[in-house]
Protein backbone atom coordinates (compact mmCIF):
# COMPACT_ATOMS: atom_id res chain seq x y z
CA MET A 1 121.21 92.34 83.30
CA PRO A 2 119.36 95.63 82.61
CA ALA A 3 117.51 94.32 79.95
CA SER A 4 116.03 91.82 82.24
CA LEU A 5 115.89 94.25 84.97
CA PRO A 6 111.64 94.60 85.51
CA GLU A 7 111.47 90.73 85.97
CA LEU A 8 113.86 90.74 88.72
CA LEU A 9 112.09 93.73 90.25
CA LEU A 10 109.30 91.64 89.71
CA SER A 11 110.33 88.59 91.52
CA ARG A 12 111.94 90.90 94.54
CA LEU A 13 108.16 92.95 95.04
CA ALA A 14 106.48 88.83 94.85
CA PRO A 15 107.24 88.27 99.29
CA LEU A 16 105.95 91.79 99.91
CA PRO A 17 102.84 91.91 102.34
CA ALA A 18 99.09 92.67 99.96
CA ALA A 19 98.82 96.47 99.48
CA PRO A 20 96.18 98.39 97.83
CA ARG A 21 98.43 100.95 95.96
CA GLY A 22 102.06 101.12 95.90
CA TRP A 23 103.94 104.74 94.86
CA ILE A 24 106.98 105.43 93.38
CA ALA A 25 109.04 107.97 95.14
CA TYR A 26 110.30 109.90 92.06
CA SER A 27 112.98 112.48 92.29
CA GLY A 28 113.43 112.95 88.85
CA GLY A 29 116.44 111.34 88.60
CA MET A 30 118.29 108.87 87.09
CA ASP A 31 117.83 106.08 89.42
CA SER A 32 113.99 106.80 90.42
CA SER A 33 113.35 107.27 86.45
CA VAL A 34 114.71 103.48 85.73
CA LEU A 35 112.30 102.46 89.43
CA LEU A 36 109.55 103.87 87.36
CA HIS A 37 110.37 102.98 83.83
CA ALA A 38 111.09 99.35 85.49
CA MET A 39 108.26 98.98 87.31
CA VAL A 40 105.58 100.15 85.07
CA ALA A 41 106.84 97.76 82.71
CA VAL A 42 105.68 95.12 84.74
CA ARG A 43 102.76 97.30 86.35
CA ASP A 44 99.40 94.45 84.35
CA ARG A 45 101.33 92.11 86.70
CA LEU A 46 101.42 93.66 90.00
CA SER A 47 98.92 93.17 92.69
CA PHE A 48 98.39 96.96 93.47
CA ASP A 49 97.46 100.21 91.94
CA LEU A 50 100.49 101.99 91.26
CA GLY A 51 101.06 105.87 91.82
CA ALA A 52 104.25 108.08 92.49
CA LEU A 53 105.15 110.85 95.07
CA HIS A 54 107.17 114.06 94.41
CA ILE A 55 108.30 115.86 97.18
CA ASP A 56 109.89 119.42 96.16
CA HIS A 57 111.67 120.86 98.63
CA GLY A 58 112.22 124.51 97.60
CA LEU A 59 115.33 124.11 98.38
CA HIS A 60 116.81 124.84 94.86
CA ARG A 61 115.95 127.66 91.94
CA ASP A 62 115.20 125.35 89.32
CA SER A 63 113.31 122.65 92.05
CA ARG A 64 109.53 124.24 90.64
CA ALA A 65 111.05 122.59 87.04
CA TRP A 66 112.17 119.31 88.45
CA ALA A 67 108.37 119.57 89.67
CA THR A 68 106.99 120.21 86.30
CA HIS A 69 109.54 117.18 84.46
CA CYS A 70 108.29 114.72 86.74
CA ALA A 71 104.52 115.36 85.87
CA ARG A 72 104.93 115.25 82.46
CA THR A 73 107.10 112.06 82.41
CA CYS A 74 104.41 110.30 84.60
CA GLU A 75 101.62 112.26 82.65
CA ARG A 76 103.67 110.47 79.12
CA LEU A 77 103.54 106.84 81.32
CA ARG A 78 99.65 107.19 82.63
CA VAL A 79 100.92 106.61 86.26
CA PRO A 80 98.68 109.09 88.81
CA LEU A 81 101.21 111.73 90.65
CA ARG A 82 100.95 113.38 93.96
CA THR A 83 103.12 116.65 94.11
CA ARG A 84 104.02 117.88 97.95
CA ARG A 85 106.26 121.66 98.20
CA LEU A 86 107.96 121.80 101.54
CA ALA A 87 109.22 125.30 102.25
CA LEU A 88 112.81 124.10 104.10
CA THR A 89 114.85 126.93 105.73
CA PRO A 90 117.43 125.36 107.47
CA SER A 91 118.69 126.62 110.21
CA ARG A 92 122.65 127.82 110.38
CA GLY A 93 125.08 124.87 111.18
CA GLU A 94 121.74 122.28 109.83
CA SER A 95 123.07 119.85 106.54
CA PRO A 96 120.26 121.09 104.05
CA GLU A 97 120.98 117.83 102.62
CA ALA A 98 119.92 116.40 105.99
CA VAL A 99 116.78 118.28 106.92
CA ALA A 100 115.91 117.69 103.07
CA ARG A 101 116.13 113.77 103.57
CA GLN A 102 114.06 114.16 106.78
CA ALA A 103 111.36 116.20 105.81
CA ARG A 104 111.08 114.28 102.69
CA TYR A 105 110.77 110.82 104.63
CA ALA A 106 108.23 112.61 107.36
CA SER A 107 106.26 114.06 104.41
CA MET A 108 105.73 110.70 102.23
CA ALA A 109 105.01 109.11 105.87
CA GLU A 110 102.32 111.25 105.91
CA LEU A 111 100.54 110.64 102.81
CA LEU A 112 100.98 107.23 102.57
CA GLY A 113 97.77 105.88 103.67
CA PRO A 114 97.01 102.41 105.86
CA ASP A 115 99.16 99.77 104.41
CA GLU A 116 100.89 101.32 101.24
CA LEU A 117 103.99 100.61 99.91
CA LEU A 118 106.31 103.25 99.18
CA PHE A 119 108.89 102.66 96.84
CA THR A 120 112.88 104.58 97.03
CA ALA A 121 115.62 103.51 94.42
CA GLN A 122 118.31 103.74 96.97
CA HIS A 123 121.01 100.72 95.43
CA ARG A 124 123.58 98.77 96.04
CA ASP A 125 126.27 101.37 95.94
CA ASP A 126 124.17 103.52 98.04
CA GLN A 127 123.88 100.64 100.57
CA ALA A 128 127.82 100.48 100.54
CA GLU A 129 128.09 104.31 101.17
CA THR A 130 126.33 104.04 103.56
CA LEU A 131 127.96 101.19 105.77
CA LEU A 132 131.00 103.58 104.61
CA LEU A 133 129.64 106.40 106.66
CA ALA A 134 128.02 104.91 109.29
CA LEU A 135 131.81 102.91 109.79
CA LEU A 136 133.13 106.44 110.13
CA ARG A 137 130.64 108.08 112.58
CA GLY A 138 131.14 104.99 115.01
CA SER A 139 127.98 103.55 114.57
CA GLY A 140 127.08 99.91 116.22
CA PRO A 141 125.63 97.21 114.14
CA ALA A 142 122.49 98.72 113.81
CA GLY A 143 123.72 101.80 111.85
CA LEU A 144 126.20 99.44 110.06
CA ALA A 145 122.84 97.31 109.24
CA ALA A 146 122.67 100.18 106.50
CA MET A 147 119.56 100.59 104.97
CA PRO A 148 117.12 97.65 105.37
CA THR A 149 115.00 95.79 102.39
CA ILE A 150 111.24 96.66 103.81
CA ALA A 151 110.96 98.86 107.22
CA PRO A 152 107.72 100.41 108.31
CA LEU A 153 106.84 104.23 107.04
CA GLY A 154 103.93 105.72 108.84
CA SER A 155 100.76 103.60 107.96
CA GLY A 156 102.24 101.45 105.52
CA TRP A 157 105.84 100.36 104.26
CA LEU A 158 109.02 101.77 102.95
CA VAL A 159 110.44 99.44 100.23
CA ARG A 160 113.72 99.64 99.00
CA PRO A 161 113.60 97.17 95.71
CA LEU A 162 116.83 97.64 93.76
CA LEU A 163 119.40 96.84 96.95
CA ALA A 164 120.70 93.84 94.47
CA PHE A 165 121.94 96.00 91.92
CA GLY A 166 124.66 98.82 91.00
CA ARG A 167 124.48 102.25 89.75
CA ALA A 168 126.26 100.71 86.92
CA GLU A 169 123.56 98.73 85.95
CA LEU A 170 121.01 101.33 86.35
CA LEU A 171 123.00 103.74 84.08
CA ALA A 172 122.99 101.06 81.29
CA TYR A 173 119.06 100.69 81.76
CA ALA A 174 118.33 103.67 81.08
CA GLU A 175 120.56 104.42 78.24
CA ASP A 176 119.26 101.32 76.89
CA HIS A 177 115.62 103.09 77.26
CA LYS A 178 116.99 106.53 75.95
CA LEU A 179 115.50 107.61 79.55
CA SER A 180 115.34 111.81 80.48
CA TRP A 181 116.35 112.38 84.12
CA LEU A 182 117.66 115.31 85.57
CA GLU A 183 121.18 115.78 87.01
CA ASP A 184 121.28 117.99 90.19
CA PRO A 185 124.34 119.70 90.46
CA GLY A 186 124.34 118.84 94.34
CA ASN A 187 125.50 115.68 93.54
CA ARG A 188 128.38 116.81 92.84
CA ASP A 189 129.01 118.90 95.19
CA LEU A 190 131.93 117.31 97.60
CA GLY A 191 130.70 119.73 100.72
CA PHE A 192 128.74 116.79 101.25
CA ASP A 193 130.13 113.49 102.94
CA ARG A 194 128.45 111.41 100.16
CA ASN A 195 129.49 112.93 97.96
CA PHE A 196 132.87 112.82 98.70
CA LEU A 197 132.68 109.27 99.12
CA ARG A 198 131.17 108.40 95.81
CA HIS A 199 133.26 110.40 93.23
CA ARG A 200 136.71 110.09 95.66
CA VAL A 201 136.57 107.31 97.63
CA PHE A 202 135.18 104.66 95.81
CA PRO A 203 136.53 105.07 92.69
CA ARG A 204 139.56 104.41 94.26
CA LEU A 205 138.46 101.45 96.15
CA ALA A 206 137.06 100.38 93.18
CA GLU A 207 139.77 99.87 91.47
CA ARG A 208 141.82 97.64 93.82
CA TRP A 209 138.70 95.82 95.08
CA PRO A 210 136.14 95.91 92.10
CA ALA A 211 133.76 94.14 93.63
CA CYS A 212 133.73 96.32 96.67
CA ALA A 213 130.71 97.87 96.85
CA THR A 214 128.87 93.94 96.49
CA SER A 215 131.04 92.69 99.09
CA LEU A 216 130.49 96.21 101.59
CA ALA A 217 126.20 95.42 100.83
CA ARG A 218 126.77 91.66 101.77
CA SER A 219 128.67 92.99 105.92
CA ALA A 220 125.45 95.48 105.54
CA ALA A 221 123.26 92.05 105.53
CA HIS A 222 125.27 90.38 107.86
CA CYS A 223 125.23 93.01 110.96
CA ALA A 224 121.44 93.32 109.92
CA GLU A 225 120.97 89.58 110.30
CA ALA A 226 123.40 89.96 113.86
CA GLN A 227 120.82 93.31 114.96
CA ALA A 228 117.58 91.28 114.25
CA ILE A 229 119.20 88.42 117.01
CA VAL A 230 119.84 91.95 119.46
CA ASP A 231 116.30 93.17 118.86
CA ALA A 232 115.08 89.85 119.77
CA ALA A 233 116.95 90.06 122.92
CA ALA A 234 115.60 93.35 123.66
CA ARG A 235 112.55 92.63 122.85
CA ASN A 236 111.85 89.83 125.12
CA ALA A 237 113.94 91.56 127.90
CA LEU A 238 111.74 94.96 127.65
CA PRO A 239 108.84 93.93 129.49
CA VAL A 240 110.52 92.74 132.20
CA ALA A 241 112.05 95.87 132.79
CA THR A 242 108.66 97.72 132.97
CA GLY A 243 108.36 100.49 135.20
CA ARG A 244 105.72 101.51 137.84
CA ARG A 245 103.88 104.39 135.46
CA PRO A 246 102.82 103.45 131.29
CA GLY A 247 105.76 103.80 129.60
CA THR A 248 108.64 104.02 131.53
CA LEU A 249 111.19 101.37 132.66
CA SER A 250 112.08 100.56 136.19
CA ILE A 251 115.58 101.40 136.94
CA ARG A 252 115.67 98.31 139.40
CA HIS A 253 114.67 96.07 137.18
CA LEU A 254 117.11 97.77 133.67
CA LEU A 255 120.62 96.78 137.01
CA THR A 256 119.61 93.51 136.31
CA LEU A 257 120.38 92.87 133.06
CA GLU A 258 123.33 92.97 131.67
CA LEU A 259 125.12 95.94 130.33
CA PRO A 260 125.16 95.13 126.32
CA LEU A 261 121.32 93.98 127.39
CA ARG A 262 120.59 96.98 129.31
CA LYS A 263 122.10 99.02 126.30
CA ALA A 264 119.73 97.73 123.74
CA VAL A 265 117.00 97.23 125.95
CA LEU A 266 116.82 100.76 126.21
CA ARG A 267 117.61 101.29 122.24
CA GLN A 268 114.09 99.64 121.76
CA TRP A 269 112.45 101.21 124.34
CA PHE A 270 113.06 104.73 122.10
CA ARG A 271 112.32 103.15 118.99
CA ASP A 272 108.95 101.70 120.73
CA GLN A 273 107.94 105.02 121.57
CA GLY A 274 108.87 106.60 118.77
CA ARG A 275 111.24 109.48 120.42
CA VAL A 276 115.30 110.29 118.69
CA PRO A 277 116.99 108.09 119.74
CA PRO A 278 120.41 109.02 121.45
CA ASP A 279 124.00 108.45 120.34
CA SER A 280 126.42 106.52 121.92
CA ARG A 281 127.25 109.46 124.53
CA HIS A 282 123.87 110.64 125.46
CA LEU A 283 122.97 106.55 125.69
CA GLY A 284 125.84 106.87 128.13
CA ARG A 285 125.11 109.42 130.47
CA ILE A 286 121.53 107.96 130.95
CA LEU A 287 124.05 105.28 132.21
CA THR A 288 126.04 106.88 134.23
CA GLU A 289 123.70 109.85 135.27
CA ALA A 290 120.24 108.82 134.93
CA MET A 291 119.84 105.72 136.05
CA ALA A 292 123.01 106.11 139.01
CA ALA A 293 121.25 108.97 140.48
CA ARG A 294 119.88 109.57 143.97
CA VAL A 295 116.40 108.08 144.19
CA ASP A 296 115.61 112.02 144.93
CA ALA A 297 117.62 113.66 142.58
CA ASN A 298 116.04 115.25 139.61
CA PRO A 299 118.79 114.38 136.56
CA LEU A 300 118.12 115.35 132.65
CA VAL A 301 119.51 113.67 129.51
CA ALA A 302 118.59 115.96 126.59
CA TRP A 303 118.81 115.78 122.61
CA PRO A 304 117.13 117.18 119.93
CA GLY A 305 113.52 115.70 120.36
CA CYS A 306 113.37 113.59 123.50
CA GLU A 307 114.25 114.65 126.93
CA VAL A 308 114.97 111.62 129.62
CA ARG A 309 114.04 112.14 133.01
CA ARG A 310 114.07 110.08 136.74
CA TYR A 311 111.08 109.80 139.08
CA ARG A 312 111.80 107.48 141.68
CA ASP A 313 112.30 103.82 140.40
CA ASP A 314 110.88 105.04 136.87
CA LEU A 315 112.92 106.74 134.05
CA PHE A 316 110.63 108.33 131.68
CA ALA A 317 111.11 109.24 127.60
CA LEU A 318 109.68 112.63 126.55
CA ALA A 319 109.07 115.20 123.99
CA PRO A 320 111.11 117.99 125.30
CA LEU A 321 109.23 120.30 128.28
CA PRO A 322 107.69 123.41 126.70
CA PRO A 323 109.59 126.73 128.10
CA LEU A 324 108.06 127.24 132.25
CA PRO A 325 105.33 129.20 132.02
CA ALA A 326 105.87 133.19 133.55
CA PRO A 327 105.20 134.01 137.23
CA ASP A 328 103.06 136.71 136.28
CA PRO A 329 99.51 136.03 137.62
CA ILE A 330 96.68 135.67 135.22
CA HIS A 331 93.24 137.11 136.16
CA TRP A 332 90.28 135.16 135.15
CA ARG A 333 87.44 136.27 135.40
CA ARG A 334 84.76 135.02 133.19
CA GLY A 335 83.91 131.73 130.72
CA VAL A 336 86.88 129.14 130.00
CA LEU A 337 90.02 130.69 131.14
CA PRO A 338 93.33 129.96 128.42
CA LEU A 339 96.77 128.91 129.54
CA PRO A 340 99.91 129.72 128.14
CA GLU A 341 102.50 127.05 126.34
CA ALA A 342 100.00 124.38 124.93
CA LEU A 343 98.93 123.72 128.99
CA GLY A 344 94.83 123.81 127.66
CA CYS A 345 91.92 125.45 129.66
CA LEU A 346 90.45 126.00 133.06
CA ALA A 347 86.35 126.18 133.69
CA LEU A 348 84.95 126.36 137.19
CA LEU A 349 81.87 124.17 137.45
CA THR A 350 79.28 123.18 139.67
CA PRO A 351 79.83 119.82 141.36
CA ASP A 352 76.94 118.36 138.55
CA GLY A 353 78.77 120.47 135.91
CA ARG A 354 77.13 123.29 135.13
CA ALA A 355 79.52 126.40 134.43
CA LEU A 356 80.25 129.25 136.44
CA ALA A 357 81.47 132.67 136.25
CA PRO A 358 84.67 133.01 138.36
CA GLN A 359 84.07 136.62 139.46
CA ASP A 360 80.36 135.51 140.70
CA LEU A 361 81.35 133.07 143.46
CA PHE A 362 85.10 135.20 144.69
CA PRO A 363 84.38 139.05 143.54
CA PRO A 364 86.25 140.27 141.23
CA GLY A 365 87.32 136.87 140.40
CA LEU A 366 90.26 134.56 140.12
CA VAL A 367 93.84 134.60 139.82
CA VAL A 368 96.21 131.71 138.62
CA ARG A 369 100.17 131.34 139.19
CA PHE A 370 102.16 128.46 138.32
CA GLY A 371 105.02 127.92 140.30
CA VAL A 372 104.23 129.54 143.82
CA ARG A 373 106.59 127.62 146.16
CA GLY A 374 105.93 126.65 150.24
CA LEU A 375 102.08 126.50 149.45
CA VAL A 376 100.06 124.77 151.59
CA CYS A 377 96.54 122.95 151.42
CA ARG A 378 93.23 121.99 153.07
CA GLN A 379 91.74 118.97 151.68
CA GLY A 380 87.34 119.37 152.97
CA ARG A 381 86.92 121.79 155.84
CA ASP A 382 87.74 120.08 157.64
CA GLY A 383 90.59 118.46 156.72
CA ARG A 384 94.28 118.45 158.09
CA GLN A 385 96.78 121.32 156.08
CA HIS A 386 99.43 119.91 154.15
CA SER A 387 102.45 121.50 152.76
CA LEU A 388 101.74 121.36 148.91
CA LYS A 389 104.79 119.34 148.58
CA LYS A 390 103.98 116.13 150.60
CA LEU A 391 100.93 116.47 148.46
CA PHE A 392 102.46 116.09 145.08
CA GLN A 393 105.15 113.40 146.62
CA GLU A 394 102.63 111.57 148.51
CA GLN A 395 100.95 111.84 144.35
CA GLY A 396 104.02 110.36 142.90
CA VAL A 397 104.48 113.88 140.44
CA PRO A 398 107.94 114.53 139.75
CA PRO A 399 109.59 118.28 140.69
CA TRP A 400 109.63 119.22 136.79
CA VAL A 401 105.76 118.41 136.44
CA ARG A 402 104.95 120.13 139.45
CA PRO A 403 105.75 124.56 137.55
CA TYR A 404 103.19 123.20 134.31
CA ILE A 405 100.18 122.68 137.02
CA PRO A 406 98.09 125.50 137.78
CA LEU A 407 97.57 127.19 140.84
CA VAL A 408 94.15 128.72 141.65
CA PHE A 409 94.08 131.40 144.27
CA ALA A 410 90.90 133.63 145.36
CA GLY A 411 93.25 136.76 146.84
CA SER A 412 95.97 135.50 148.73
CA ASP A 413 94.31 132.03 150.03
CA LEU A 414 95.25 129.14 147.48
CA ILE A 415 91.73 126.76 146.39
CA ALA A 416 93.02 124.98 143.45
CA VAL A 417 95.68 122.73 142.19
CA GLY A 418 94.90 121.67 138.69
CA ASN A 419 92.53 118.87 138.60
CA ALA A 420 94.02 116.95 141.23
CA TRP A 421 92.89 119.44 145.08
CA THR A 422 90.33 122.06 146.21
CA CYS A 423 91.73 123.67 149.37
CA HIS A 424 90.21 125.23 151.56
CA PRO A 425 91.45 128.06 153.96
CA GLU A 426 90.61 128.34 157.44
CA ASP A 427 88.64 131.38 156.77
CA ALA A 428 87.07 130.31 153.10
CA ALA A 429 83.48 131.39 152.85
CA TRP A 430 81.94 130.68 149.37
CA GLU A 431 78.37 130.78 149.08
CA ARG A 432 78.54 127.19 146.71
CA GLU A 433 80.66 124.12 145.78
CA PHE A 434 82.67 124.17 142.74
CA CYS A 435 85.28 122.30 141.33
CA ILE A 436 88.58 123.08 138.87
CA ARG A 437 88.31 121.14 135.65
CA TRP A 438 91.39 121.38 133.70
CA GLN A 439 92.34 120.36 130.16
CA ALA A 440 95.51 120.38 128.42
CA GLU A 441 96.34 119.87 125.37
CA ALA A 442 96.76 115.71 125.28
CA ASP A 443 98.88 115.82 122.11
CA ARG A 444 101.44 118.72 123.34
CA TRP A 445 100.93 117.40 126.74
CA PRO A 446 100.89 113.53 126.89
CA VAL A 447 102.70 113.29 130.20
CA LEU A 448 100.14 115.05 132.08
CA ASP A 449 97.91 111.87 131.48
CA LEU A 450 100.70 109.93 134.06
CA PHE A 451 99.52 111.58 136.96
CA ASP A 452 96.41 112.09 138.48
CA ILE A 453 96.44 115.77 138.39
């Protein structure tokens, strides 16, 4: 078996989508060293150019030496190598292993070009460990499906071609070909759950059930098949549950679905939104707090990387909102005014788009505030006066967006609300017509695109 690994590997690569280049995630360890060597052995028969990626996490004192080892090996094998060094500083309470894994995949996703392939060296024993860890965490079918053979990553694809091979087979190949690899001392640290399973639990399981890794990997494949059916049902039901605003879900439509399908639709929605998915506890809170709240309530279910909010019948999945701007006035006398908290900038313009200086039109200038309550706005010189709260409600602007909208004052008079309205106080006597242009940072504030403000 070890001697034929390159040929077996080649047969597993045949069904892959066409790609201009395939990159091997090369750490210098035994598994990735075997993958690199075996793919180089069949390089002339690959349909794509071969390269290697090495991510130096900077978490170990020997990490630079490991990067040097990888560079020398790739040079000897004539494989182009790209190296990226990270400067990770895990926060207190964070798992360095988890932080490194997340940063590694994020970095490799950035490096992948369109339709390129990234090959990683996870094998059958890794798959069995992943399944056991998922069981111990109480995961559902998606978690128990463990690691798929191929999955989207960035603008390309993540491929795991060694899942059919065990650790012992890879070690035999490495020894037969006299490969040189690195041993990370962290792989012996029993403080990590995966290492504890690998060194303490699996040897005992294998004594009783020698084929346990194969059986567990097969169970993971069964769970993946079941999850594929669930995902298909969720994708079919998702359009039915679409909300009024782009990217939202309708609570009324969600409630017409059976509870298991409702949960599956929510999980699919988070994946489509590119949001960090909720665990079971937070998913339960979405169902019982956000969806069951009064129509006029303002519920919030949050976890790192995501906030779920409700407005009327729409359910929103958002990046965490930034801190509220300070209530202190921001004086605006000349030019374009930068706003705090990635809220962009304000410009004062003539109706035909030419720039105005605030202090020229409104001596001694304008003042911008955020989150002021109890204001009124008269739209047009002869229009009726309405409370700002009523105007927001008519426009469908949620309460959690309103504190971030810049309110522009001339003295004590409100004269503009973001891009939405110019207000005309009773005593307004400015000499020229004007408009306010508010440009927020769309990449950090995409939620503002949902509302005409």
